C-alpha cells in the first residue's frame, strides 16, 4: 500500500491572511539577516584566530631574541658601593585589620538596645 498524502485547505479572512503573510515575510527577513550575521561572525572569528597565531609566533621570536641578547651581552659587575644604593626595595605589606568579633557583637547589642528603647518610647507616647 502506498501512502497517500492528504492536503488540508483552510480559509482565512483577507486581513488575517495579510497579517500572517507579513509575519512570515518578516521572519524570513530576520532569518536571512541572522545568516548574514553568522557569516560575518565566522569571518571575524577566523581573523581573530589568525591574529592570535601571528601574535604567538611573534612572541616566540621575541623570546628567542631576548635569550640571544642575554647570552651575547656580558653581565656587568656592579661595585659594592653602588650595589648598596640600588638594592631592591621591599614592597610594603598591607594588613587588613578586622575588628574583633566580640566588639562587633557588643556594638550590635548596644545598637539593638537603643532601637528597642526608641521603640518603647514611641509606643508609650
PDB file of N, CA and C in Angstrom:
ATOM      1  N   UNK A   1       0.827  -1.189   0.000  1.00  0.00           N
ATOM      2  CA  UNK A   1       0.000   0.000   0.000  1.00  0.00           C
ATOM      3  C   UNK A   1       0.863   1.240   0.000  1.00  0.00           C
ATOM      4  N   UNK A   2       0.617   2.103  -0.887  1.00  0.00           N
ATOM      5  CA  UNK A   2       1.346   3.371  -0.958  1.00  0.00           C
ATOM      6  C   UNK A   2       0.622   4.387  -0.095  1.00  0.00           C
ATOM      7  N   UNK A   3       1.410   5.160   0.635  1.00  0.00           N
ATOM      8  CA  UNK A   3       0.795   6.171   1.483  1.00  0.00           C
ATOM      9  C   UNK A   3       0.400   7.366   0.627  1.00  0.00           C
ATOM     10  N   UNK A   4      -0.771   7.806   0.848  1.00  0.00           N
ATOM     11  CA  UNK A   4      -1.240   8.972   0.114  1.00  0.00           C
ATOM     12  C   UNK A   4      -1.187  10.163   1.048  1.00  0.00           C
ATOM     13  N   UNK A   5      -0.655  11.261   0.533  1.00  0.00           N
ATOM     14  CA  UNK A   5      -0.629  12.458   1.357  1.00  0.00           C
ATOM     15  C   UNK A   5      -1.903  13.234   1.089  1.00  0.00           C
ATOM     16  N   UNK A   6      -2.515  13.634   2.156  1.00  0.00           N
ATOM     17  CA  UNK A   6      -3.754  14.374   2.022  1.00  0.00           C
ATOM     18  C   UNK A   6      -3.477  15.828   2.300  1.00  0.00           C
ATOM     19  N   UNK A   7      -3.996  16.673   1.501  1.00  0.00           N
ATOM     20  CA  UNK A   7      -3.831  18.104   1.689  1.00  0.00           C
ATOM     21  C   UNK A   7      -5.036  18.640   2.424  1.00  0.00           C
ATOM     22  N   UNK A   8      -4.768  19.611   3.251  1.00  0.00           N
ATOM     23  CA  UNK A   8      -5.829  20.233   4.012  1.00  0.00           C
ATOM     24  C   UNK A   8      -5.825  21.716   3.682  1.00  0.00           C
ATOM     25  N   UNK A   9      -6.940  22.213   3.260  1.00  0.00           N
ATOM     26  CA  UNK A   9      -7.050  23.622   2.905  1.00  0.00           C
ATOM     27  C   UNK A   9      -7.980  24.292   3.906  1.00  0.00           C
ATOM     28  N   UNK A  10      -7.543  25.480   4.333  1.00  0.00           N
ATOM     29  CA  UNK A  10      -8.402  26.228   5.230  1.00  0.00           C
ATOM     30  C   UNK A  10      -8.599  27.616   4.649  1.00  0.00           C
ATOM     31  N   UNK A  11      -9.647  28.207   5.043  1.00  0.00           N
ATOM     32  CA  UNK A  11      -9.976  29.538   4.537  1.00  0.00           C
ATOM     33  C   UNK A  11      -9.681  30.564   5.624  1.00  0.00           C
ATOM     34  N   UNK A  12      -9.012  31.653   5.240  1.00  0.00           N
ATOM     35  CA  UNK A  12      -8.700  32.735   6.163  1.00  0.00           C
ATOM     36  C   UNK A  12      -9.304  34.023   5.651  1.00  0.00           C
ATOM     37  N   UNK A  13      -9.631  34.881   6.563  1.00  0.00           N
ATOM     38  CA  UNK A  13     -10.082  36.212   6.156  1.00  0.00           C
ATOM     39  C   UNK A  13      -8.897  36.934   5.539  1.00  0.00           C
ATOM     40  N   UNK A  14      -9.170  37.873   4.665  1.00  0.00           N
ATOM     41  CA  UNK A  14      -8.095  38.579   3.974  1.00  0.00           C
ATOM     42  C   UNK A  14      -7.197  39.353   4.932  1.00  0.00           C
ATOM     43  N   UNK A  15      -7.731  40.091   5.928  1.00  0.00           N
ATOM     44  CA  UNK A  15      -6.826  40.798   6.855  1.00  0.00           C
ATOM     45  C   UNK A  15      -5.935  39.840   7.641  1.00  0.00           C
ATOM     46  N   UNK A  16      -6.482  38.687   8.058  1.00  0.00           N
ATOM     47  CA  UNK A  16      -5.692  37.704   8.786  1.00  0.00           C
ATOM     48  C   UNK A  16      -4.624  37.096   7.879  1.00  0.00           C
ATOM     49  N   UNK A  17      -5.008  36.795   6.617  1.00  0.00           N
ATOM     50  CA  UNK A  17      -4.048  36.278   5.640  1.00  0.00           C
ATOM     51  C   UNK A  17      -2.917  37.277   5.425  1.00  0.00           C
ATOM     52  N   UNK A  18      -3.293  38.534   5.292  1.00  0.00           N
ATOM     53  CA  UNK A  18      -2.305  39.588   5.043  1.00  0.00           C
ATOM     54  C   UNK A  18      -1.338  39.709   6.238  1.00  0.00           C
ATOM     55  N   UNK A  19      -1.884  39.668   7.457  1.00  0.00           N
ATOM     56  CA  UNK A  19      -1.057  39.779   8.664  1.00  0.00           C
ATOM     57  C   UNK A  19      -0.114  38.583   8.784  1.00  0.00           C
ATOM     58  N   UNK A  20      -0.630  37.378   8.541  1.00  0.00           N
ATOM     59  CA  UNK A  20       0.193  36.177   8.610  1.00  0.00           C
ATOM     60  C   UNK A  20       1.279  36.164   7.537  1.00  0.00           C
ATOM     61  N   UNK A  21       0.921  36.609   6.354  1.00  0.00           N
ATOM     62  CA  UNK A  21       1.892  36.678   5.264  1.00  0.00           C
ATOM     63  C   UNK A  21       2.996  37.683   5.616  1.00  0.00           C
ATOM     64  N   UNK A  22       2.624  38.816   6.211  1.00  0.00           N
ATOM     65  CA  UNK A  22       3.613  39.819   6.617  1.00  0.00           C
ATOM     66  C   UNK A  22       4.524  39.251   7.714  1.00  0.00           C
ATOM     67  N   UNK A  23       3.945  38.510   8.658  1.00  0.00           N
ATOM     68  CA  UNK A  23       4.746  37.875   9.711  1.00  0.00           C
ATOM     69  C   UNK A  23       5.730  36.867   9.114  1.00  0.00           C
ATOM     70  N   UNK A  24       5.257  36.079   8.165  1.00  0.00           N
ATOM     71  CA  UNK A  24       6.108  35.098   7.511  1.00  0.00           C
ATOM     72  C   UNK A  24       7.259  35.782   6.775  1.00  0.00           C
ATOM     73  N   UNK A  25       6.958  36.834   6.047  1.00  0.00           N
ATOM     74  CA  UNK A  25       7.999  37.542   5.305  1.00  0.00           C
ATOM     75  C   UNK A  25       8.999  38.214   6.248  1.00  0.00           C
ATOM     76  N   UNK A  26       8.504  38.798   7.340  1.00  0.00           N
ATOM     77  CA  UNK A  26       9.426  39.438   8.283  1.00  0.00           C
ATOM     78  C   UNK A  26      10.306  38.389   8.966  1.00  0.00           C
ATOM     79  N   UNK A  27       9.759  37.204   9.217  1.00  0.00           N
ATOM     80  CA  UNK A  27      10.551  36.123   9.796  1.00  0.00           C
ATOM     81  C   UNK A  27      11.627  35.668   8.816  1.00  0.00           C
ATOM     82  N   UNK A  28      11.273  35.592   7.541  1.00  0.00           N
ATOM     83  CA  UNK A  28      12.264  35.229   6.534  1.00  0.00           C
ATOM     84  C   UNK A  28      13.376  36.282   6.463  1.00  0.00           C
ATOM     85  N   UNK A  29      13.003  37.547   6.543  1.00  0.00           N
ATOM     86  CA  UNK A  29      13.998  38.628   6.545  1.00  0.00           C
ATOM     87  C   UNK A  29      14.919  38.487   7.755  1.00  0.00           C
ATOM     88  N   UNK A  30      14.333  38.222   8.909  1.00  0.00           N
ATOM     89  CA  UNK A  30      15.141  38.055  10.124  1.00  0.00           C
ATOM     90  C   UNK A  30      16.100  36.875   9.998  1.00  0.00           C
ATOM     91  N   UNK A  31      15.622  35.776   9.414  1.00  0.00           N
ATOM     92  CA  UNK A  31      16.488  34.616   9.235  1.00  0.00           C
ATOM     93  C   UNK A  31      17.638  34.908   8.274  1.00  0.00           C
ATOM     94  N   UNK A  32      17.347  35.628   7.193  1.00  0.00           N
ATOM     95  CA  UNK A  32      18.408  35.983   6.242  1.00  0.00           C
ATOM     96  C   UNK A  32      19.428  36.900   6.918  1.00  0.00           C
ATOM     97  N   UNK A  33      18.941  37.879   7.695  1.00  0.00           N
ATOM     98  CA  UNK A  33      19.861  38.772   8.413  1.00  0.00           C
ATOM     99  C   UNK A  33      20.695  37.991   9.423  1.00  0.00           C
ATOM    100  N   UNK A  34      20.071  37.021  10.087  1.00  0.00           N
ATOM    101  CA  UNK A  34      20.796  36.186  11.045  1.00  0.00           C
ATOM    102  C   UNK A  34      21.886  35.387  10.341  1.00  0.00           C
ATOM    103  N   UNK A  35      21.572  34.860   9.171  1.00  0.00           N
ATOM    104  CA  UNK A  35      22.576  34.123   8.401  1.00  0.00           C
ATOM    105  C   UNK A  35      23.738  35.036   8.010  1.00  0.00           C
ATOM    106  N   UNK A  36      23.430  36.276   7.641  1.00  0.00           N
ATOM    107  CA  UNK A  36      24.492  37.237   7.314  1.00  0.00           C
ATOM    108  C   UNK A  36      25.367  37.505   8.532  1.00  0.00           C
ATOM    109  N   UNK A  37      24.734  37.689   9.703  1.00  0.00           N
ATOM    110  CA  UNK A  37      25.492  37.939  10.929  1.00  0.00           C
ATOM    111  C   UNK A  37      26.382  36.750  11.274  1.00  0.00           C
ATOM    112  N   UNK A  38      25.863  35.547  11.075  1.00  0.00           N
ATOM    113  CA  UNK A  38      26.645  34.340  11.365  1.00  0.00           C
ATOM    114  C   UNK A  38      27.856  34.261  10.441  1.00  0.00           C
ATOM    115  N   UNK A  39      27.649  34.576   9.160  1.00  0.00           N
ATOM    116  CA  UNK A  39      28.775  34.560   8.218  1.00  0.00           C
ATOM    117  C   UNK A  39      29.816  35.609   8.609  1.00  0.00           C
ATOM    118  N   UNK A  40      29.352  36.795   8.979  1.00  0.00           N
ATOM    119  CA  UNK A  40      30.270  37.848   9.405  1.00  0.00           C
ATOM    120  C   UNK A  40      31.010  37.424  10.665  1.00  0.00           C
ATOM    121  N   UNK A  41      30.289  36.811  11.596  1.00  0.00           N
ATOM    122  CA  UNK A  41      30.911  36.334  12.833  1.00  0.00           C
ATOM    123  C   UNK A  41      31.985  35.293  12.535  1.00  0.00           C
ATOM    124  N   UNK A  42      31.702  34.370  11.618  1.00  0.00           N
ATOM    125  CA  UNK A  42      32.678  33.346  11.265  1.00  0.00           C
ATOM    126  C   UNK A  42      33.939  33.979  10.678  1.00  0.00           C
ATOM    127  N   UNK A  43      33.764  34.994   9.818  1.00  0.00           N
ATOM    128  CA  UNK A  43      34.926  35.680   9.232  1.00  0.00           C
ATOM    129  C   UNK A  43      35.740  36.376  10.325  1.00  0.00           C
ATOM    130  N   UNK A  44      35.052  37.049  11.216  1.00  0.00           N
ATOM    131  CA  UNK A  44      35.746  37.768  12.288  1.00  0.00           C
ATOM    132  C   UNK A  44      36.457  36.791  13.211  1.00  0.00           C
ATOM    133  N   UNK A  45      35.799  35.682  13.548  1.00  0.00           N
ATOM    134  CA  UNK A  45      36.410  34.676  14.408  1.00  0.00           C
ATOM    135  C   UNK A  45      37.657  34.086  13.757  1.00  0.00           C
ATOM    136  N   UNK A  46      37.586  33.823  12.440  1.00  0.00           N
ATOM    137  CA  UNK A  46      38.741  33.291  11.720  1.00  0.00           C
ATOM    138  C   UNK A  46      39.879  34.310  11.717  1.00  0.00           C
ATOM    139  N   UNK A  47      39.544  35.564  11.502  1.00  0.00           N
ATOM    140  CA  UNK A  47      40.560  36.619  11.516  1.00  0.00           C
ATOM    141  C   UNK A  47      41.193  36.736  12.907  1.00  0.00           C
ATOM    142  N   UNK A  48      40.371  36.629  13.940  1.00  0.00           N
ATOM    143  CA  UNK A  48      40.876  36.686  15.316  1.00  0.00           C
ATOM    144  C   UNK A  48      41.847  35.542  15.574  1.00  0.00           C
ATOM    145  N   UNK A  49      41.484  34.342  15.142  1.00  0.00           N
ATOM    146  CA  UNK A  49      42.358  33.189  15.340  1.00  0.00           C
ATOM    147  C   UNK A  49      43.675  33.355  14.575  1.00  0.00           C
ATOM    148  N   UNK A  50      43.595  33.896  13.369  1.00  0.00           N
ATOM    149  CA  UNK A  50      44.816  34.141  12.591  1.00  0.00           C
ATOM    150  C   UNK A  50      45.710  35.157  13.295  1.00  0.00           C
ATOM    151  N   UNK A  51      45.110  36.214  13.817  1.00  0.00           N
ATOM    152  CA  UNK A  51      45.889  37.225  14.524  1.00  0.00           C
ATOM    153  C   UNK A  51      46.515  36.656  15.799  1.00  0.00           C
ATOM    154  N   UNK A  52      45.779  35.790  16.494  1.00  0.00           N
ATOM    155  CA  UNK A  52      46.341  35.145  17.684  1.00  0.00           C
ATOM    156  C   UNK A  52      47.549  34.293  17.317  1.00  0.00           C
ATOM    157  N   UNK A  53      47.437  33.560  16.220  1.00  0.00           N
ATOM    158  CA  UNK A  53      48.554  32.726  15.785  1.00  0.00           C
ATOM    159  C   UNK A  53      49.758  33.596  15.427  1.00  0.00           C
ATOM    160  N   UNK A  54      49.525  34.698  14.733  1.00  0.00           N
ATOM    161  CA  UNK A  54      50.612  35.603  14.378  1.00  0.00           C
ATOM    162  C   UNK A  54      51.256  36.176  15.637  1.00  0.00           C
ATOM    163  N   UNK A  55      50.431  36.555  16.597  1.00  0.00           N
ATOM    164  CA  UNK A  55      50.946  37.101  17.854  1.00  0.00           C
ATOM    165  C   UNK A  55      51.768  36.055  18.592  1.00  0.00           C
ATOM    166  N   UNK A  56      51.300  34.829  18.590  1.00  0.00           N
ATOM    167  CA  UNK A  56      52.033  33.739  19.240  1.00  0.00           C
ATOM    168  C   UNK A  56      53.407  33.556  18.595  1.00  0.00           C
ATOM    169  N   UNK A  57      53.450  33.564  17.267  1.00  0.00           N
ATOM    170  CA  UNK A  57      54.716  33.415  16.549  1.00  0.00           C
ATOM    171  C   UNK A  57      55.647  34.581  16.877  1.00  0.00           C
ATOM    172  N   UNK A  58      55.092  35.789  16.904  1.00  0.00           N
ATOM    173  CA  UNK A  58      55.913  36.963  17.225  1.00  0.00           C
ATOM    174  C   UNK A  58      56.467  36.888  18.646  1.00  0.00           C
ATOM    175  N   UNK A  59      55.665  36.417  19.585  1.00  0.00           N
ATOM    176  CA  UNK A  59      56.148  36.279  20.962  1.00  0.00           C
ATOM    177  C   UNK A  59      57.249  35.219  21.058  1.00  0.00           C
ATOM    178  N   UNK A  60      57.104  34.145  20.313  1.00  0.00           N
ATOM    179  CA  UNK A  60      58.147  33.126  20.312  1.00  0.00           C
ATOM    180  C   UNK A  60      59.450  33.692  19.759  1.00  0.00           C
ATOM    181  N   UNK A  61      59.354  34.465  18.671  1.00  0.00           N
ATOM    182  CA  UNK A  61      60.549  35.096  18.098  1.00  0.00           C
ATOM    183  C   UNK A  61      61.168  36.070  19.087  1.00  0.00           C
ATOM    184  N   UNK A  62      60.311  36.841  19.756  1.00  0.00           N
ATOM    185  CA  UNK A  62      60.802  37.795  20.744  1.00  0.00           C
ATOM    186  C   UNK A  62      61.513  37.077  21.883  1.00  0.00           C
ATOM    187  N   UNK A  63      60.950  35.972  22.322  1.00  0.00           N
ATOM    188  CA  UNK A  63      61.565  35.189  23.396  1.00  0.00           C
ATOM    189  C   UNK A  63      62.942  34.684  22.980  1.00  0.00           C
ATOM    190  N   UNK A  64      63.038  34.175  21.759  1.00  0.00           N
ATOM    191  CA  UNK A  64      64.324  33.682  21.260  1.00  0.00           C
ATOM    192  C   UNK A  64      65.320  34.832  21.161  1.00  0.00           C
ATOM    193  N   UNK A  65      64.879  35.970  20.655  1.00  0.00           N
ATOM    194  CA  UNK A  65      65.757  37.135  20.541  1.00  0.00           C
ATOM    195  C   UNK A  65      66.244  37.602  21.905  1.00  0.00           C
ATOM    196  N   UNK A  66      65.369  37.633  22.893  1.00  0.00           N
ATOM    197  CA  UNK A  66      65.768  38.047  24.239  1.00  0.00           C
ATOM    198  C   UNK A  66      66.772  37.075  24.842  1.00  0.00           C
ATOM    199  N   UNK A  67      66.570  35.788  24.623  1.00  0.00           N
ATOM    200  CA  UNK A  67      67.534  34.806  25.114  1.00  0.00           C
ATOM    201  C   UNK A  67      68.889  34.990  24.446  1.00  0.00           C
ATOM    202  N   UNK A  68      68.874  35.273  23.134  1.00  0.00           N
ATOM    203  CA  UNK A  68      70.127  35.516  22.416  1.00  0.00           C
ATOM    204  C   UNK A  68      70.832  36.763  22.942  1.00  0.00           C
ATOM    205  N   UNK A  69      70.079  37.797  23.200  1.00  0.00           N
ATOM    206  CA  UNK A  69      70.662  39.031  23.730  1.00  0.00           C
ATOM    207  C   UNK A  69      71.288  38.759  25.093  1.00  0.00           C
ATOM    208  N   UNK A  70      70.585  38.040  25.950  1.00  0.00           N
ATOM    209  CA  UNK A  70      71.113  37.749  27.278  1.00  0.00           C
ATOM    210  C   UNK A  70      72.383  36.903  27.222  1.00  0.00           C
ATOM    211  N   UNK A  71      72.472  36.000  26.242  1.00  0.00           N
ATOM    212  CA  UNK A  71      73.677  35.164  26.160  1.00  0.00           C
ATOM    213  C   UNK A  71      74.844  35.916  25.535  1.00  0.00           C
ATOM    214  N   UNK A  72      74.610  36.896  24.676  1.00  0.00           N
ATOM    215  CA  UNK A  72      75.682  37.604  23.990  1.00  0.00           C
ATOM    216  C   UNK A  72      76.239  38.784  24.781  1.00  0.00           C
ATOM    217  N   UNK A  73      75.442  39.365  25.640  1.00  0.00           N
ATOM    218  CA  UNK A  73      75.927  40.502  26.413  1.00  0.00           C
ATOM    219  C   UNK A  73      76.480  40.023  27.738  1.00  0.00           C
ATOM    220  N   UNK A  74      77.580  40.652  28.182  1.00  0.00           N
ATOM    221  CA  UNK A  74      78.147  40.241  29.469  1.00  0.00           C
ATOM    222  C   UNK A  74      77.325  40.785  30.625  1.00  0.00           C
ATOM    223  N   UNK A  75      77.439  40.124  31.754  1.00  0.00           N
ATOM    224  CA  UNK A  75      76.808  40.629  32.969  1.00  0.00           C
ATOM    225  C   UNK A  75      77.755  41.644  33.591  1.00  0.00           C
ATOM    226  N   UNK A  76      77.314  42.873  33.760  1.00  0.00           N
ATOM    227  CA  UNK A  76      78.221  43.874  34.332  1.00  0.00           C
ATOM    228  C   UNK A  76      78.408  43.635  35.825  1.00  0.00           C
ATOM    229  N   UNK A  77      79.613  43.890  36.284  1.00  0.00           N
ATOM    230  CA  UNK A  77      79.893  43.778  37.707  1.00  0.00           C
ATOM    231  C   UNK A  77      79.605  45.127  38.349  1.00  0.00           C
ATOM    232  N   UNK A  78      78.714  45.147  39.299  1.00  0.00           N
ATOM    233  CA  UNK A  78      78.354  46.399  39.965  1.00  0.00           C
ATOM    234  C   UNK A  78      79.232  46.547  41.207  1.00  0.00           C
ATOM    235  N   UNK A  79      79.908  47.698  41.343  1.00  0.00           N
ATOM    236  CA  UNK A  79      80.735  47.914  42.528  1.00  0.00           C
ATOM    237  C   UNK A  79      79.890  47.853  43.802  1.00  0.00           C
ATOM    238  N   UNK A  80      80.539  47.460  44.891  1.00  0.00           N
ATOM    239  CA  UNK A  80      79.827  47.279  46.163  1.00  0.00           C
ATOM    240  C   UNK A  80      79.167  48.556  46.643  1.00  0.00           C
ATOM    241  N   UNK A  81      79.841  49.686  46.474  1.00  0.00           N
ATOM    242  CA  UNK A  81      79.240  50.934  46.961  1.00  0.00           C
ATOM    243  C   UNK A  81      77.970  51.286  46.189  1.00  0.00           C
ATOM    244  N   UNK A  82      77.899  50.935  44.927  1.00  0.00           N
ATOM    245  CA  UNK A  82      76.676  51.196  44.157  1.00  0.00           C
ATOM    246  C   UNK A  82      75.624  50.113  44.400  1.00  0.00           C
ATOM    247  N   UNK A  83      76.081  48.906  44.667  1.00  0.00           N
ATOM    248  CA  UNK A  83      75.155  47.803  44.892  1.00  0.00           C
ATOM    249  C   UNK A  83      74.273  48.077  46.114  1.00  0.00           C
ATOM    250  N   UNK A  84      74.861  48.687  47.145  1.00  0.00           N
ATOM    251  CA  UNK A  84      74.088  49.003  48.348  1.00  0.00           C
ATOM    252  C   UNK A  84      73.027  50.053  48.067  1.00  0.00           C
ATOM    253  N   UNK A  85      73.336  50.994  47.203  1.00  0.00           N
ATOM    254  CA  UNK A  85      72.381  52.064  46.889  1.00  0.00           C
ATOM    255  C   UNK A  85      71.179  51.546  46.095  1.00  0.00           C
ATOM    256  N   UNK A  86      71.419  50.570  45.267  1.00  0.00           N
ATOM    257  CA  UNK A  86      70.373  50.123  44.356  1.00  0.00           C
ATOM    258  C   UNK A  86      69.776  48.770  44.721  1.00  0.00           C
ATOM    259  N   UNK A  87      69.759  48.466  45.997  1.00  0.00           N
ATOM    260  CA  UNK A  87      69.110  47.234  46.428  1.00  0.00           C
ATOM    261  C   UNK A  87      67.614  47.344  46.162  1.00  0.00           C
ATOM    262  N   UNK A  88      67.014  46.285  45.743  1.00  0.00           N
ATOM    263  CA  UNK A  88      65.566  46.360  45.509  1.00  0.00           C
ATOM    264  C   UNK A  88      64.827  46.617  46.826  1.00  0.00           C
ATOM    265  N   UNK A  89      63.894  47.482  46.717  1.00  0.00           N
ATOM    266  CA  UNK A  89      63.109  47.834  47.898  1.00  0.00           C
ATOM    267  C   UNK A  89      62.069  46.761  48.175  1.00  0.00           C
ATOM    268  N   UNK A  90      61.801  46.592  49.434  1.00  0.00           N
ATOM    269  CA  UNK A  90      60.749  45.658  49.807  1.00  0.00           C
ATOM    270  C   UNK A  90      59.401  46.324  49.595  1.00  0.00           C
ATOM    271  N   UNK A  91      58.494  45.571  49.111  1.00  0.00           N
ATOM    272  CA  UNK A  91      57.151  46.101  48.920  1.00  0.00           C
ATOM    273  C   UNK A  91      56.482  46.210  50.285  1.00  0.00           C
ATOM    274  N   UNK A  92      55.794  47.318  50.494  1.00  0.00           N
ATOM    275  CA  UNK A  92      55.108  47.441  51.785  1.00  0.00           C
ATOM    276  C   UNK A  92      53.989  46.406  51.877  1.00  0.00           C
ATOM    277  N   UNK A  93      53.872  45.844  53.030  1.00  0.00           N
ATOM    278  CA  UNK A  93      52.810  44.860  53.223  1.00  0.00           C
ATOM    279  C   UNK A  93      51.645  45.535  53.931  1.00  0.00           C
ATOM    280  N   UNK A  94      50.482  45.291  53.430  1.00  0.00           N
ATOM    281  CA  UNK A  94      49.278  45.871  53.993  1.00  0.00           C
ATOM    282  C   UNK A  94      48.494  44.774  54.693  1.00  0.00           C
ATOM    283  N   UNK A  95      48.099  45.060  55.877  1.00  0.00           N
ATOM    284  CA  UNK A  95      47.297  44.113  56.629  1.00  0.00           C
ATOM    285  C   UNK A  95      45.895  44.667  56.778  1.00  0.00           C
ATOM    286  N   UNK A  96      44.953  43.825  56.576  1.00  0.00           N
ATOM    287  CA  UNK A  96      43.562  44.221  56.776  1.00  0.00           C
ATOM    288  C   UNK A  96      43.233  43.968  58.233  1.00  0.00           C
ATOM    289  N   UNK A  97      42.915  45.022  58.896  1.00  0.00           N
ATOM    290  CA  UNK A  97      42.607  44.914  60.319  1.00  0.00           C
ATOM    291  C   UNK A  97      41.105  44.728  60.458  1.00  0.00           C
ATOM    292  N   UNK A  98      40.734  43.584  60.968  1.00  0.00           N
ATOM    293  CA  UNK A  98      39.325  43.299  61.175  1.00  0.00           C
ATOM    294  C   UNK A  98      39.007  43.474  62.656  1.00  0.00           C
ATOM    295  N   UNK A  99      37.900  44.119  62.940  1.00  0.00           N
ATOM    296  CA  UNK A  99      37.542  44.262  64.352  1.00  0.00           C
ATOM    297  C   UNK A  99      37.244  42.896  64.957  1.00  0.00           C
ATOM    298  N   UNK A 100      37.475  42.798  66.219  1.00  0.00           N
ATOM    299  CA  UNK A 100      37.221  41.528  66.888  1.00  0.00           C
ATOM    300  C   UNK A 100      35.728  41.230  66.881  1.00  0.00           C
ATOM    301  N   UNK A 101      35.408  39.957  66.839  1.00  0.00           N
ATOM    302  CA  UNK A 101      34.004  39.555  66.791  1.00  0.00           C
ATOM    303  C   UNK A 101      33.256  39.997  68.038  1.00  0.00           C
ATOM    304  N   UNK A 102      33.917  40.009  69.169  1.00  0.00           N
ATOM    305  CA  UNK A 102      33.253  40.435  70.406  1.00  0.00           C
ATOM    306  C   UNK A 102      32.861  41.904  70.311  1.00  0.00           C
ATOM    307  N   UNK A 103      33.752  42.715  69.753  1.00  0.00           N
ATOM    308  CA  UNK A 103      33.426  44.134  69.607  1.00  0.00           C
ATOM    309  C   UNK A 103      32.216  44.326  68.703  1.00  0.00           C
ATOM    310  N   UNK A 104      32.169  43.544  67.630  1.00  0.00           N
ATOM    311  CA  UNK A 104      31.034  43.643  66.711  1.00  0.00           C
ATOM    312  C   UNK A 104      29.755  43.229  67.441  1.00  0.00           C
ATOM    313  N   UNK A 105      29.835  42.128  68.183  1.00  0.00           N
ATOM    314  CA  UNK A 105      28.666  41.668  68.931  1.00  0.00           C
ATOM    315  C   UNK A 105      28.226  42.720  69.935  1.00  0.00           C
ATOM    316  N   UNK A 106      29.184  43.317  70.630  1.00  0.00           N
ATOM    317  CA  UNK A 106      28.848  44.352  71.608  1.00  0.00           C
ATOM    318  C   UNK A 106      28.206  45.560  70.934  1.00  0.00           C
ATOM    319  N   UNK A 107      28.747  45.952  69.784  1.00  0.00           N
ATOM    320  CA  UNK A 107      28.174  47.092  69.070  1.00  0.00           C
ATOM    321  C   UNK A 107      26.754  46.777  68.591  1.00  0.00           C
ATOM    322  N   UNK A 108      26.573  45.571  68.097  1.00  0.00           N
ATOM    323  CA  UNK A 108      25.238  45.190  67.629  1.00  0.00           C
ATOM    324  C   UNK A 108      24.256  45.120  68.792  1.00  0.00           C
ATOM    325  N   UNK A 109      24.693  44.566  69.915  1.00  0.00           N
ATOM    326  CA  UNK A 109      23.817  44.505  71.085  1.00  0.00           C
ATOM    327  C   UNK A 109      23.457  45.912  71.562  1.00  0.00           C
ATOM    328  N   UNK A 110      24.435  46.782  71.578  1.00  0.00           N
ATOM    329  CA  UNK A 110      24.195  48.159  72.015  1.00  0.00           C
ATOM    330  C   UNK A 110      23.203  48.853  71.077  1.00  0.00           C
ATOM    331  N   UNK A 111      23.410  48.668  69.769  1.00  0.00           N
ATOM    332  CA  UNK A 111      22.505  49.285  68.792  1.00  0.00           C
ATOM    333  C   UNK A 111      21.099  48.703  68.925  1.00  0.00           C
ATOM    334  N   UNK A 112      21.014  47.410  69.148  1.00  0.00           N
ATOM    335  CA  UNK A 112      19.721  46.761  69.326  1.00  0.00           C
ATOM    336  C   UNK A 112      18.997  47.321  70.547  1.00  0.00           C
ATOM    337  N   UNK A 113      19.715  47.495  71.638  1.00  0.00           N
ATOM    338  CA  UNK A 113      19.106  48.077  72.846  1.00  0.00           C
ATOM    339  C   UNK A 113      18.621  49.498  72.598  1.00  0.00           C
ATOM    340  N   UNK A 114      19.400  50.280  71.864  1.00  0.00           N
ATOM    341  CA  UNK A 114      18.986  51.658  71.570  1.00  0.00           C
ATOM    342  C   UNK A 114      17.718  51.676  70.725  1.00  0.00           C
ATOM    343  N   UNK A 115      17.654  50.802  69.747  1.00  0.00           N
ATOM    344  CA  UNK A 115      16.468  50.754  68.886  1.00  0.00           C
ATOM    345  C   UNK A 115      15.252  50.295  69.685  1.00  0.00           C
ATOM    346  N   UNK A 116      15.433  49.301  70.555  1.00  0.00           N
ATOM    347  CA  UNK A 116      14.324  48.834  71.383  1.00  0.00           C
ATOM    348  C   UNK A 116      13.835  49.946  72.313  1.00  0.00           C
ATOM    349  N   UNK A 117      14.765  50.716  72.832  1.00  0.00           N
ATOM    350  CA  UNK A 117      14.384  51.830  73.703  1.00  0.00           C
ATOM    351  C   UNK A 117      13.592  52.884  72.925  1.00  0.00           C
ATOM    352  N   UNK A 118      14.032  53.201  71.733  1.00  0.00           N
ATOM    353  CA  UNK A 118      13.308  54.162  70.890  1.00  0.00           C
ATOM    354  C   UNK A 118      11.910  53.635  70.571  1.00  0.00           C
ATOM    355  N   UNK A 119      11.811  52.343  70.342  1.00  0.00           N
ATOM    356  CA  UNK A 119      10.514  51.727  70.033  1.00  0.00           C
ATOM    357  C   UNK A 119       9.587  51.799  71.238  1.00  0.00           C
ATOM    358  N   UNK A 120      10.124  51.552  72.424  1.00  0.00           N
ATOM    359  CA  UNK A 120       9.316  51.651  73.631  1.00  0.00           C
ATOM    360  C   UNK A 120       8.797  53.076  73.833  1.00  0.00           C
ATOM    361  N   UNK A 121       9.674  54.039  73.625  1.00  0.00           N
ATOM    362  CA  UNK A 121       9.294  55.438  73.784  1.00  0.00           C
ATOM    363  C   UNK A 121       8.230  55.822  72.773  1.00  0.00           C
ATOM    364  N   UNK A 122       8.352  55.315  71.571  1.00  0.00           N
ATOM    365  CA  UNK A 122       7.381  55.612  70.528  1.00  0.00           C
ATOM    366  C   UNK A 122       6.016  55.000  70.880  1.00  0.00           C
ATOM    367  N   UNK A 123       6.026  53.793  71.383  1.00  0.00           N
ATOM    368  CA  UNK A 123       4.779  53.114  71.738  1.00  0.00           C
ATOM    369  C   UNK A 123       4.122  53.727  72.996  1.00  0.00           C
ATOM    370  N   UNK A 124       4.926  54.251  73.894  1.00  0.00           N
ATOM    371  CA  UNK A 124       4.361  54.808  75.130  1.00  0.00           C
ATOM    372  C   UNK A 124       3.747  56.192  74.920  1.00  0.00           C
ATOM    373  N   UNK A 125       4.174  56.902  73.903  1.00  0.00           N
ATOM    374  CA  UNK A 125       3.611  58.252  73.718  1.00  0.00           C
ATOM    375  C   UNK A 125       2.397  58.294  72.840  1.00  0.00           C
TER     376      UNK A 125
END
